[in-house]
């Protein structure tokens, strides 16, 4: 086996290992689909067969979709807090602008110069 072949094998093993760890620590690891996918990839790698990249693309799309739904839920849950924070910051900036406008040119504090 050539050095290039050994490096390719090592790279595939590391990718499969990292992918396995990702599913191991993710909350979705309990379902049978992820176990079947991980088992398929590991089996194909051990047998030396090439793995179609469309499998990985489909997995990335699935993960992205799940992440999008989770983010939407998080925004929906925390949006009032986010909007309160933004409105407080905008009020503080408006107050600063108004206070600076009230000060004369001879006397301006360090924030208004």
PDB file of N, CA and C in Angstrom:
ATOM      1  N   UNK A   1       0.854  -1.168   0.000  1.00  0.00           N
ATOM      2  CA  UNK A   1       0.000   0.000   0.000  1.00  0.00           C
ATOM      3  C   UNK A   1       0.904   1.236   0.000  1.00  0.00           C
ATOM      4  N   UNK A   2       0.555   2.219  -0.795  1.00  0.00           N
ATOM      5  CA  UNK A   2       1.366   3.423  -0.898  1.00  0.00           C
ATOM      6  C   UNK A   2       1.074   4.367   0.256  1.00  0.00           C
ATOM      7  N   UNK A   3       1.934   5.353   0.390  1.00  0.00           N
ATOM      8  CA  UNK A   3       1.758   6.350   1.449  1.00  0.00           C
ATOM      9  C   UNK A   3       0.458   7.121   1.246  1.00  0.00           C
ATOM     10  N   UNK A   4       0.136   7.400  -0.002  1.00  0.00           N
ATOM     11  CA  UNK A   4      -1.101   8.122  -0.307  1.00  0.00           C
ATOM     12  C   UNK A   4      -2.316   7.285   0.094  1.00  0.00           C
ATOM     13  N   UNK A   5      -2.271   6.004  -0.142  1.00  0.00           N
ATOM     14  CA  UNK A   5      -3.367   5.113   0.232  1.00  0.00           C
ATOM     15  C   UNK A   5      -3.513   5.003   1.734  1.00  0.00           C
ATOM     16  N   UNK A   6      -2.383   4.957   2.431  1.00  0.00           N
ATOM     17  CA  UNK A   6      -2.412   4.879   3.896  1.00  0.00           C
ATOM     18  C   UNK A   6      -3.002   6.165   4.471  1.00  0.00           C
ATOM     19  N   UNK A   7      -2.584   7.302   3.936  1.00  0.00           N
ATOM     20  CA  UNK A   7      -3.096   8.589   4.415  1.00  0.00           C
ATOM     21  C   UNK A   7      -4.601   8.706   4.161  1.00  0.00           C
ATOM     22  N   UNK A   8      -5.032   8.220   2.993  1.00  0.00           N
ATOM     23  CA  UNK A   8      -6.451   8.267   2.662  1.00  0.00           C
ATOM     24  C   UNK A   8      -7.244   7.389   3.635  1.00  0.00           C
ATOM     25  N   UNK A   9      -6.730   6.215   3.937  1.00  0.00           N
ATOM     26  CA  UNK A   9      -7.393   5.312   4.880  1.00  0.00           C
ATOM     27  C   UNK A   9      -7.467   5.938   6.271  1.00  0.00           C
ATOM     28  N   UNK A  10      -6.355   6.521   6.703  1.00  0.00           N
ATOM     29  CA  UNK A  10      -6.335   7.168   8.018  1.00  0.00           C
ATOM     30  C   UNK A  10      -7.331   8.326   8.063  1.00  0.00           C
ATOM     31  N   UNK A  11      -7.383   9.109   6.999  1.00  0.00           N
ATOM     32  CA  UNK A  11      -8.313  10.235   6.930  1.00  0.00           C
ATOM     33  C   UNK A  11      -9.759   9.748   6.994  1.00  0.00           C
ATOM     34  N   UNK A  12     -10.076   8.698   6.288  1.00  0.00           N
ATOM     35  CA  UNK A  12     -11.430   8.150   6.305  1.00  0.00           C
ATOM     36  C   UNK A  12     -11.774   7.647   7.704  1.00  0.00           C
ATOM     37  N   UNK A  13     -10.836   6.959   8.335  1.00  0.00           N
ATOM     38  CA  UNK A  13     -11.081   6.451   9.693  1.00  0.00           C
ATOM     39  C   UNK A  13     -11.325   7.594  10.662  1.00  0.00           C
ATOM     40  N   UNK A  14     -10.533   8.660  10.560  1.00  0.00           N
ATOM     41  CA  UNK A  14     -10.702   9.815  11.446  1.00  0.00           C
ATOM     42  C   UNK A  14     -12.057  10.481  11.202  1.00  0.00           C
ATOM     43  N   UNK A  15     -12.441  10.622   9.934  1.00  0.00           N
ATOM     44  CA  UNK A  15     -13.730  11.241   9.617  1.00  0.00           C
ATOM     45  C   UNK A  15     -14.885  10.404  10.162  1.00  0.00           C
ATOM     46  N   UNK A  16     -14.806   9.098   9.962  1.00  0.00           N
ATOM     47  CA  UNK A  16     -15.864   8.225  10.460  1.00  0.00           C
ATOM     48  C   UNK A  16     -15.901   8.264  11.984  1.00  0.00           C
ATOM     49  N   UNK A  17     -14.748   8.274  12.614  1.00  0.00           N
ATOM     50  CA  UNK A  17     -14.674   8.337  14.075  1.00  0.00           C
ATOM     51  C   UNK A  17     -15.287   9.634  14.590  1.00  0.00           C
ATOM     52  N   UNK A  18     -14.930  10.766  13.959  1.00  0.00           N
ATOM     53  CA  UNK A  18     -15.469  12.066  14.376  1.00  0.00           C
ATOM     54  C   UNK A  18     -16.979  12.119  14.146  1.00  0.00           C
ATOM     55  N   UNK A  19     -17.411  11.585  13.017  1.00  0.00           N
ATOM     56  CA  UNK A  19     -18.833  11.559  12.707  1.00  0.00           C
ATOM     57  C   UNK A  19     -19.572  10.708  13.736  1.00  0.00           C
ATOM     58  N   UNK A  20     -19.000   9.581  14.094  1.00  0.00           N
ATOM     59  CA  UNK A  20     -19.582   8.722  15.112  1.00  0.00           C
ATOM     60  C   UNK A  20     -19.672   9.414  16.460  1.00  0.00           C
ATOM     61  N   UNK A  21     -18.601  10.132  16.822  1.00  0.00           N
ATOM     62  CA  UNK A  21     -18.628  10.877  18.082  1.00  0.00           C
ATOM     63  C   UNK A  21     -19.708  11.948  18.071  1.00  0.00           C
ATOM     64  N   UNK A  22     -19.856  12.602  16.929  1.00  0.00           N
ATOM     65  CA  UNK A  22     -20.880  13.635  16.814  1.00  0.00           C
ATOM     66  C   UNK A  22     -22.255  13.049  17.095  1.00  0.00           C
ATOM     67  N   UNK A  23     -22.558  11.911  16.492  1.00  0.00           N
ATOM     68  CA  UNK A  23     -23.856  11.293  16.721  1.00  0.00           C
ATOM     69  C   UNK A  23     -23.961  10.707  18.122  1.00  0.00           C
ATOM     70  N   UNK A  24     -22.849  10.282  18.664  1.00  0.00           N
ATOM     71  CA  UNK A  24     -22.869   9.723  20.015  1.00  0.00           C
ATOM     72  C   UNK A  24     -23.281  10.786  21.027  1.00  0.00           C
ATOM     73  N   UNK A  25     -22.743  12.002  20.868  1.00  0.00           N
ATOM     74  CA  UNK A  25     -23.019  13.066  21.819  1.00  0.00           C
ATOM     75  C   UNK A  25     -24.248  13.899  21.466  1.00  0.00           C
ATOM     76  N   UNK A  26     -24.785  13.694  20.279  1.00  0.00           N
ATOM     77  CA  UNK A  26     -25.970  14.467  19.914  1.00  0.00           C
ATOM     78  C   UNK A  26     -27.203  13.854  20.565  1.00  0.00           C
ATOM     79  N   UNK A  27     -28.199  14.644  20.711  1.00  0.00           N
ATOM     80  CA  UNK A  27     -29.423  14.171  21.373  1.00  0.00           C
ATOM     81  C   UNK A  27     -30.209  13.211  20.489  1.00  0.00           C
ATOM     82  N   UNK A  28     -29.944  13.210  19.190  1.00  0.00           N
ATOM     83  CA  UNK A  28     -30.703  12.377  18.269  1.00  0.00           C
ATOM     84  C   UNK A  28     -30.111  10.976  18.106  1.00  0.00           C
ATOM     85  N   UNK A  29     -29.100  10.634  18.873  1.00  0.00           N
ATOM     86  CA  UNK A  29     -28.430   9.348  18.697  1.00  0.00           C
ATOM     87  C   UNK A  29     -29.327   8.175  19.024  1.00  0.00           C
ATOM     88  N   UNK A  30     -30.359   8.371  19.779  1.00  0.00           N
ATOM     89  CA  UNK A  30     -31.178   7.260  20.246  1.00  0.00           C
ATOM     90  C   UNK A  30     -32.016   6.622  19.144  1.00  0.00           C
ATOM     91  N   UNK A  31     -32.257   7.310  18.041  1.00  0.00           N
ATOM     92  CA  UNK A  31     -33.146   6.703  17.058  1.00  0.00           C
ATOM     93  C   UNK A  31     -32.399   5.735  16.137  1.00  0.00           C
ATOM     94  N   UNK A  32     -33.145   4.855  15.534  1.00  0.00           N
ATOM     95  CA  UNK A  32     -32.581   3.776  14.726  1.00  0.00           C
ATOM     96  C   UNK A  32     -31.958   4.272  13.425  1.00  0.00           C
ATOM     97  N   UNK A  33     -32.460   5.376  12.887  1.00  0.00           N
ATOM     98  CA  UNK A  33     -31.922   5.900  11.637  1.00  0.00           C
ATOM     99  C   UNK A  33     -30.441   6.238  11.776  1.00  0.00           C
ATOM    100  N   UNK A  34     -30.089   6.944  12.821  1.00  0.00           N
ATOM    101  CA  UNK A  34     -28.695   7.323  13.013  1.00  0.00           C
ATOM    102  C   UNK A  34     -27.809   6.109  13.259  1.00  0.00           C
ATOM    103  N   UNK A  35     -28.315   5.127  13.989  1.00  0.00           N
ATOM    104  CA  UNK A  35     -27.545   3.905  14.203  1.00  0.00           C
ATOM    105  C   UNK A  35     -27.319   3.174  12.883  1.00  0.00           C
ATOM    106  N   UNK A  36     -28.345   3.123  12.063  1.00  0.00           N
ATOM    107  CA  UNK A  36     -28.219   2.448  10.767  1.00  0.00           C
ATOM    108  C   UNK A  36     -27.231   3.174   9.863  1.00  0.00           C
ATOM    109  N   UNK A  37     -27.293   4.506   9.845  1.00  0.00           N
ATOM    110  CA  UNK A  37     -26.371   5.289   9.002  1.00  0.00           C
ATOM    111  C   UNK A  37     -24.928   5.119   9.467  1.00  0.00           C
ATOM    112  N   UNK A  38     -24.717   5.212  10.757  1.00  0.00           N
ATOM    113  CA  UNK A  38     -23.364   5.059  11.293  1.00  0.00           C
ATOM    114  C   UNK A  38     -22.842   3.661  11.018  1.00  0.00           C
ATOM    115  N   UNK A  39     -23.689   2.661  11.217  1.00  0.00           N
ATOM    116  CA  UNK A  39     -23.287   1.286  10.937  1.00  0.00           C
ATOM    117  C   UNK A  39     -22.960   1.076   9.472  1.00  0.00           C
ATOM    118  N   UNK A  40     -23.738   1.676   8.593  1.00  0.00           N
ATOM    119  CA  UNK A  40     -23.490   1.556   7.153  1.00  0.00           C
ATOM    120  C   UNK A  40     -22.143   2.158   6.768  1.00  0.00           C
ATOM    121  N   UNK A  41     -21.886   3.355   7.253  1.00  0.00           N
ATOM    122  CA  UNK A  41     -20.632   4.027   6.913  1.00  0.00           C
ATOM    123  C   UNK A  41     -19.440   3.238   7.454  1.00  0.00           C
ATOM    124  N   UNK A  42     -19.528   2.776   8.686  1.00  0.00           N
ATOM    125  CA  UNK A  42     -18.426   2.016   9.274  1.00  0.00           C
ATOM    126  C   UNK A  42     -18.219   0.711   8.510  1.00  0.00           C
ATOM    127  N   UNK A  43     -19.303   0.029   8.172  1.00  0.00           N
ATOM    128  CA  UNK A  43     -19.194  -1.229   7.430  1.00  0.00           C
ATOM    129  C   UNK A  43     -18.552  -1.015   6.070  1.00  0.00           C
ATOM    130  N   UNK A  44     -19.002   0.012   5.361  1.00  0.00           N
ATOM    131  CA  UNK A  44     -18.452   0.282   4.035  1.00  0.00           C
ATOM    132  C   UNK A  44     -16.980   0.664   4.115  1.00  0.00           C
ATOM    133  N   UNK A  45     -16.608   1.403   5.144  1.00  0.00           N
ATOM    134  CA  UNK A  45     -15.211   1.804   5.314  1.00  0.00           C
ATOM    135  C   UNK A  45     -14.342   0.596   5.623  1.00  0.00           C
ATOM    136  N   UNK A  46     -14.811  -0.279   6.490  1.00  0.00           N
ATOM    137  CA  UNK A  46     -14.044  -1.478   6.842  1.00  0.00           C
ATOM    138  C   UNK A  46     -13.890  -2.384   5.627  1.00  0.00           C
ATOM    139  N   UNK A  47     -14.938  -2.495   4.811  1.00  0.00           N
ATOM    140  CA  UNK A  47     -14.881  -3.342   3.624  1.00  0.00           C
ATOM    141  C   UNK A  47     -14.058  -2.710   2.512  1.00  0.00           C
ATOM    142  N   UNK A  48     -13.713  -1.459   2.654  1.00  0.00           N
ATOM    143  CA  UNK A  48     -12.901  -0.782   1.648  1.00  0.00           C
ATOM    144  C   UNK A  48     -13.703  -0.232   0.487  1.00  0.00           C
ATOM    145  N   UNK A  49     -15.008  -0.221   0.603  1.00  0.00           N
ATOM    146  CA  UNK A  49     -15.863   0.331  -0.448  1.00  0.00           C
ATOM    147  C   UNK A  49     -15.919   1.843  -0.320  1.00  0.00           C
ATOM    148  N   UNK A  50     -16.097   2.492  -1.456  1.00  0.00           N
ATOM    149  CA  UNK A  50     -16.223   3.947  -1.397  1.00  0.00           C
ATOM    150  C   UNK A  50     -17.634   4.303  -0.936  1.00  0.00           C
ATOM    151  N   UNK A  51     -17.728   5.404  -0.244  1.00  0.00           N
ATOM    152  CA  UNK A  51     -19.011   5.867   0.264  1.00  0.00           C
ATOM    153  C   UNK A  51     -19.462   7.021  -0.614  1.00  0.00           C
ATOM    154  N   UNK A  52     -20.675   6.910  -1.105  1.00  0.00           N
ATOM    155  CA  UNK A  52     -21.223   7.938  -1.978  1.00  0.00           C
ATOM    156  C   UNK A  52     -21.364   9.247  -1.209  1.00  0.00           C
ATOM    157  N   UNK A  53     -20.894  10.324  -1.797  1.00  0.00           N
ATOM    158  CA  UNK A  53     -20.935  11.612  -1.102  1.00  0.00           C
ATOM    159  C   UNK A  53     -22.360  12.121  -0.917  1.00  0.00           C
ATOM    160  N   UNK A  54     -23.295  11.592  -1.690  1.00  0.00           N
ATOM    161  CA  UNK A  54     -24.687  12.037  -1.524  1.00  0.00           C
ATOM    162  C   UNK A  54     -25.235  11.640  -0.155  1.00  0.00           C
ATOM    163  N   UNK A  55     -24.686  10.563   0.421  1.00  0.00           N
ATOM    164  CA  UNK A  55     -25.101  10.158   1.765  1.00  0.00           C
ATOM    165  C   UNK A  55     -24.734  11.253   2.760  1.00  0.00           C
ATOM    166  N   UNK A  56     -23.512  11.759   2.642  1.00  0.00           N
ATOM    167  CA  UNK A  56     -23.072  12.820   3.554  1.00  0.00           C
ATOM    168  C   UNK A  56     -23.830  14.115   3.303  1.00  0.00           C
ATOM    169  N   UNK A  57     -24.110  14.399   2.037  1.00  0.00           N
ATOM    170  CA  UNK A  57     -24.862  15.608   1.714  1.00  0.00           C
ATOM    171  C   UNK A  57     -26.266  15.553   2.314  1.00  0.00           C
ATOM    172  N   UNK A  58     -26.901  14.388   2.219  1.00  0.00           N
ATOM    173  CA  UNK A  58     -28.236  14.233   2.794  1.00  0.00           C
ATOM    174  C   UNK A  58     -28.194  14.385   4.309  1.00  0.00           C
ATOM    175  N   UNK A  59     -27.154  13.866   4.936  1.00  0.00           N
ATOM    176  CA  UNK A  59     -27.015  13.995   6.382  1.00  0.00           C
ATOM    177  C   UNK A  59     -26.810  15.449   6.788  1.00  0.00           C
ATOM    178  N   UNK A  60     -25.979  16.151   6.031  1.00  0.00           N
ATOM    179  CA  UNK A  60     -25.746  17.577   6.313  1.00  0.00           C
ATOM    180  C   UNK A  60     -27.055  18.350   6.179  1.00  0.00           C
ATOM    181  N   UNK A  61     -27.828  18.055   5.140  1.00  0.00           N
ATOM    182  CA  UNK A  61     -29.108  18.734   4.961  1.00  0.00           C
ATOM    183  C   UNK A  61     -30.059  18.431   6.106  1.00  0.00           C
ATOM    184  N   UNK A  62     -30.078  17.186   6.559  1.00  0.00           N
ATOM    185  CA  UNK A  62     -30.943  16.801   7.677  1.00  0.00           C
ATOM    186  C   UNK A  62     -30.534  17.530   8.953  1.00  0.00           C
ATOM    187  N   UNK A  63     -29.232  17.579   9.220  1.00  0.00           N
ATOM    188  CA  UNK A  63     -28.730  18.259  10.415  1.00  0.00           C
ATOM    189  C   UNK A  63     -29.022  19.753  10.338  1.00  0.00           C
ATOM    190  N   UNK A  64     -28.828  20.335   9.157  1.00  0.00           N
ATOM    191  CA  UNK A  64     -29.101  21.764   8.970  1.00  0.00           C
ATOM    192  C   UNK A  64     -30.571  22.068   9.207  1.00  0.00           C
ATOM    193  N   UNK A  65     -31.436  21.214   8.705  1.00  0.00           N
ATOM    194  CA  UNK A  65     -32.875  21.414   8.899  1.00  0.00           C
ATOM    195  C   UNK A  65     -33.234  21.343  10.381  1.00  0.00           C
ATOM    196  N   UNK A  66     -32.700  20.354  11.078  1.00  0.00           N
ATOM    197  CA  UNK A  66     -32.970  20.211  12.511  1.00  0.00           C
ATOM    198  C   UNK A  66     -32.433  21.417  13.278  1.00  0.00           C
ATOM    199  N   UNK A  67     -31.226  21.876  12.915  1.00  0.00           N
ATOM    200  CA  UNK A  67     -30.646  23.047  13.558  1.00  0.00           C
ATOM    201  C   UNK A  67     -31.515  24.283  13.311  1.00  0.00           C
ATOM    202  N   UNK A  68     -32.024  24.428  12.092  1.00  0.00           N
ATOM    203  CA  UNK A  68     -32.884  25.570  11.767  1.00  0.00           C
ATOM    204  C   UNK A  68     -34.141  25.562  12.624  1.00  0.00           C
ATOM    205  N   UNK A  69     -34.759  24.396  12.757  1.00  0.00           N
ATOM    206  CA  UNK A  69     -35.963  24.304  13.582  1.00  0.00           C
ATOM    207  C   UNK A  69     -35.660  24.606  15.047  1.00  0.00           C
ATOM    208  N   UNK A  70     -34.506  24.129  15.527  1.00  0.00           N
ATOM    209  CA  UNK A  70     -34.118  24.418  16.909  1.00  0.00           C
ATOM    210  C   UNK A  70     -33.873  25.907  17.119  1.00  0.00           C
ATOM    211  N   UNK A  71     -33.241  26.553  16.141  1.00  0.00           N
ATOM    212  CA  UNK A  71     -32.983  27.993  16.247  1.00  0.00           C
ATOM    213  C   UNK A  71     -34.286  28.788  16.225  1.00  0.00           C
ATOM    214  N   UNK A  72     -35.226  28.381  15.399  1.00  0.00           N
ATOM    215  CA  UNK A  72     -36.521  29.063  15.350  1.00  0.00           C
ATOM    216  C   UNK A  72     -37.216  28.952  16.704  1.00  0.00           C
ATOM    217  N   UNK A  73     -37.159  27.770  17.293  1.00  0.00           N
ATOM    218  CA  UNK A  73     -37.770  27.586  18.614  1.00  0.00           C
ATOM    219  C   UNK A  73     -37.089  28.462  19.666  1.00  0.00           C
ATOM    220  N   UNK A  74     -35.756  28.539  19.596  1.00  0.00           N
ATOM    221  CA  UNK A  74     -35.018  29.365  20.554  1.00  0.00           C
ATOM    222  C   UNK A  74     -35.365  30.836  20.378  1.00  0.00           C
ATOM    223  N   UNK A  75     -35.435  31.296  19.125  1.00  0.00           N
ATOM    224  CA  UNK A  75     -35.810  32.687  18.892  1.00  0.00           C
ATOM    225  C   UNK A  75     -37.226  32.953  19.380  1.00  0.00           C
ATOM    226  N   UNK A  76     -38.119  32.034  19.119  1.00  0.00           N
ATOM    227  CA  UNK A  76     -39.504  32.207  19.549  1.00  0.00           C
ATOM    228  C   UNK A  76     -39.586  32.295  21.072  1.00  0.00           C
ATOM    229  N   UNK A  77     -38.775  31.506  21.748  1.00  0.00           N
ATOM    230  CA  UNK A  77     -38.801  31.495  23.211  1.00  0.00           C
ATOM    231  C   UNK A  77     -38.154  32.750  23.801  1.00  0.00           C
ATOM    232  N   UNK A  78     -37.057  33.218  23.191  1.00  0.00           N
ATOM    233  CA  UNK A  78     -36.276  34.313  23.770  1.00  0.00           C
ATOM    234  C   UNK A  78     -36.474  35.655  23.073  1.00  0.00           C
ATOM    235  N   UNK A  79     -37.343  35.723  22.088  1.00  0.00           N
ATOM    236  CA  UNK A  79     -37.523  36.969  21.347  1.00  0.00           C
ATOM    237  C   UNK A  79     -37.941  38.145  22.220  1.00  0.00           C
ATOM    238  N   UNK A  80     -38.845  37.990  23.181  1.00  0.00           N
ATOM    239  CA  UNK A  80     -39.179  39.145  24.034  1.00  0.00           C
ATOM    240  C   UNK A  80     -37.950  39.701  24.756  1.00  0.00           C
ATOM    241  N   UNK A  81     -37.083  38.840  25.248  1.00  0.00           N
ATOM    242  CA  UNK A  81     -35.867  39.299  25.934  1.00  0.00           C
ATOM    243  C   UNK A  81     -34.937  40.016  24.963  1.00  0.00           C
ATOM    244  N   UNK A  82     -34.817  39.463  23.763  1.00  0.00           N
ATOM    245  CA  UNK A  82     -33.946  40.072  22.753  1.00  0.00           C
ATOM    246  C   UNK A  82     -34.472  41.453  22.382  1.00  0.00           C
ATOM    247  N   UNK A  83     -35.784  41.556  22.154  1.00  0.00           N
ATOM    248  CA  UNK A  83     -36.368  42.850  21.786  1.00  0.00           C
ATOM    249  C   UNK A  83     -36.251  43.854  22.926  1.00  0.00           C
ATOM    250  N   UNK A  84     -36.426  43.418  24.171  1.00  0.00           N
ATOM    251  CA  UNK A  84     -36.250  44.313  25.314  1.00  0.00           C
ATOM    252  C   UNK A  84     -34.826  44.845  25.373  1.00  0.00           C
ATOM    253  N   UNK A  85     -33.861  43.985  25.130  1.00  0.00           N
ATOM    254  CA  UNK A  85     -32.458  44.396  25.153  1.00  0.00           C
ATOM    255  C   UNK A  85     -32.171  45.406  24.049  1.00  0.00           C
ATOM    256  N   UNK A  86     -32.680  45.147  22.850  1.00  0.00           N
ATOM    257  CA  UNK A  86     -32.460  46.070  21.733  1.00  0.00           C
ATOM    258  C   UNK A  86     -33.127  47.413  22.009  1.00  0.00           C
ATOM    259  N   UNK A  87     -34.353  47.387  22.509  1.00  0.00           N
ATOM    260  CA  UNK A  87     -35.048  48.650  22.767  1.00  0.00           C
ATOM    261  C   UNK A  87     -34.355  49.437  23.883  1.00  0.00           C
ATOM    262  N   UNK A  88     -33.822  48.749  24.897  1.00  0.00           N
ATOM    263  CA  UNK A  88     -33.087  49.433  25.960  1.00  0.00           C
ATOM    264  C   UNK A  88     -31.823  50.090  25.400  1.00  0.00           C
ATOM    265  N   UNK A  89     -31.133  49.393  24.519  1.00  0.00           N
ATOM    266  CA  UNK A  89     -29.926  49.963  23.918  1.00  0.00           C
ATOM    267  C   UNK A  89     -30.278  51.179  23.050  1.00  0.00           C
ATOM    268  N   UNK A  90     -31.347  51.078  22.273  1.00  0.00           N
ATOM    269  CA  UNK A  90     -31.764  52.207  21.442  1.00  0.00           C
ATOM    270  C   UNK A  90     -32.182  53.399  22.295  1.00  0.00           C
ATOM    271  N   UNK A  91     -32.872  53.149  23.414  1.00  0.00           N
ATOM    272  CA  UNK A  91     -33.243  54.241  24.319  1.00  0.00           C
ATOM    273  C   UNK A  91     -32.005  54.915  24.897  1.00  0.00           C
ATOM    274  N   UNK A  92     -30.996  54.112  25.280  1.00  0.00           N
ATOM    275  CA  UNK A  92     -29.763  54.671  25.840  1.00  0.00           C
ATOM    276  C   UNK A  92     -29.044  55.534  24.806  1.00  0.00           C
ATOM    277  N   UNK A  93     -28.999  55.093  23.563  1.00  0.00           N
ATOM    278  CA  UNK A  93     -28.358  55.890  22.515  1.00  0.00           C
ATOM    279  C   UNK A  93     -29.137  57.179  22.245  1.00  0.00           C
ATOM    280  N   UNK A  94     -30.465  57.093  22.246  1.00  0.00           N
ATOM    281  CA  UNK A  94     -31.281  58.295  22.041  1.00  0.00           C
ATOM    282  C   UNK A  94     -31.093  59.278  23.187  1.00  0.00           C
ATOM    283  N   UNK A  95     -31.023  58.793  24.425  1.00  0.00           N
ATOM    284  CA  UNK A  95     -30.772  59.655  25.584  1.00  0.00           C
ATOM    285  C   UNK A  95     -29.424  60.349  25.461  1.00  0.00           C
ATOM    286  N   UNK A  96     -28.399  59.611  25.058  1.00  0.00           N
ATOM    287  CA  UNK A  96     -27.060  60.187  24.913  1.00  0.00           C
ATOM    288  C   UNK A  96     -27.059  61.274  23.839  1.00  0.00           C
ATOM    289  N   UNK A  97     -27.698  61.007  22.723  1.00  0.00           N
ATOM    290  CA  UNK A  97     -27.765  62.000  21.640  1.00  0.00           C
ATOM    291  C   UNK A  97     -28.496  63.256  22.118  1.00  0.00           C
ATOM    292  N   UNK A  98     -29.592  63.073  22.832  1.00  0.00           N
ATOM    293  CA  UNK A  98     -30.360  64.219  23.338  1.00  0.00           C
ATOM    294  C   UNK A  98     -29.548  65.021  24.354  1.00  0.00           C
ATOM    295  N   UNK A  99     -28.874  64.349  25.289  1.00  0.00           N
ATOM    296  CA  UNK A  99     -28.068  65.038  26.296  1.00  0.00           C
ATOM    297  C   UNK A  99     -26.914  65.793  25.653  1.00  0.00           C
ATOM    298  N   UNK A 100     -26.305  65.190  24.643  1.00  0.00           N
ATOM    299  CA  UNK A 100     -25.206  65.872  23.952  1.00  0.00           C
ATOM    300  C   UNK A 100     -25.710  67.093  23.193  1.00  0.00           C
ATOM    301  N   UNK A 101     -26.924  67.002  22.658  1.00  0.00           N
ATOM    302  CA  UNK A 101     -27.497  68.144  21.948  1.00  0.00           C
ATOM    303  C   UNK A 101     -27.806  69.288  22.903  1.00  0.00           C
ATOM    304  N   UNK A 102     -28.109  69.001  24.159  1.00  0.00           N
ATOM    305  CA  UNK A 102     -28.418  70.038  25.139  1.00  0.00           C
ATOM    306  C   UNK A 102     -27.178  70.757  25.650  1.00  0.00           C
ATOM    307  N   UNK A 103     -26.026  70.133  25.561  1.00  0.00           N
ATOM    308  CA  UNK A 103     -24.800  70.749  26.093  1.00  0.00           C
ATOM    309  C   UNK A 103     -24.275  71.804  25.138  1.00  0.00           C
ATOM    310  N   UNK A 104     -23.731  72.852  25.719  1.00  0.00           N
ATOM    311  CA  UNK A 104     -23.167  73.915  24.882  1.00  0.00           C
ATOM    312  C   UNK A 104     -21.831  73.452  24.312  1.00  0.00           C
ATOM    313  N   UNK A 105     -21.348  74.217  23.327  1.00  0.00           N
ATOM    314  CA  UNK A 105     -20.084  73.856  22.685  1.00  0.00           C
ATOM    315  C   UNK A 105     -18.897  74.040  23.620  1.00  0.00           C
ATOM    316  N   UNK A 106     -18.981  74.998  24.595  1.00  0.00           N
ATOM    317  CA  UNK A 106     -17.874  75.200  25.524  1.00  0.00           C
ATOM    318  C   UNK A 106     -17.757  74.027  26.496  1.00  0.00           C
ATOM    319  N   UNK A 107     -18.900  73.479  26.854  1.00  0.00           N
ATOM    320  CA  UNK A 107     -18.881  72.388  27.804  1.00  0.00           C
ATOM    321  C   UNK A 107     -19.491  71.140  27.164  1.00  0.00           C
ATOM    322  N   UNK A 108     -18.654  70.219  26.819  1.00  0.00           N
ATOM    323  CA  UNK A 108     -19.102  68.922  26.303  1.00  0.00           C
ATOM    324  C   UNK A 108     -18.366  67.848  27.101  1.00  0.00           C
ATOM    325  N   UNK A 109     -19.096  66.887  27.620  1.00  0.00           N
ATOM    326  CA  UNK A 109     -18.386  65.826  28.328  1.00  0.00           C
ATOM    327  C   UNK A 109     -17.699  64.895  27.320  1.00  0.00           C
ATOM    328  N   UNK A 110     -16.932  63.948  27.824  1.00  0.00           N
ATOM    329  CA  UNK A 110     -16.090  63.132  26.941  1.00  0.00           C
ATOM    330  C   UNK A 110     -16.898  62.260  25.974  1.00  0.00           C
ATOM    331  N   UNK A 111     -18.125  61.918  26.307  1.00  0.00           N
ATOM    332  CA  UNK A 111     -18.934  61.090  25.420  1.00  0.00           C
ATOM    333  C   UNK A 111     -19.496  61.872  24.232  1.00  0.00           C
ATOM    334  N   UNK A 112     -19.563  63.205  24.364  1.00  0.00           N
ATOM    335  CA  UNK A 112     -20.187  64.027  23.335  1.00  0.00           C
ATOM    336  C   UNK A 112     -19.190  64.672  22.386  1.00  0.00           C
ATOM    337  N   UNK A 113     -17.930  64.514  22.606  1.00  0.00           N
ATOM    338  CA  UNK A 113     -16.944  65.202  21.747  1.00  0.00           C
ATOM    339  C   UNK A 113     -16.734  64.518  20.449  1.00  0.00           C
TER     340      UNK A 113
END
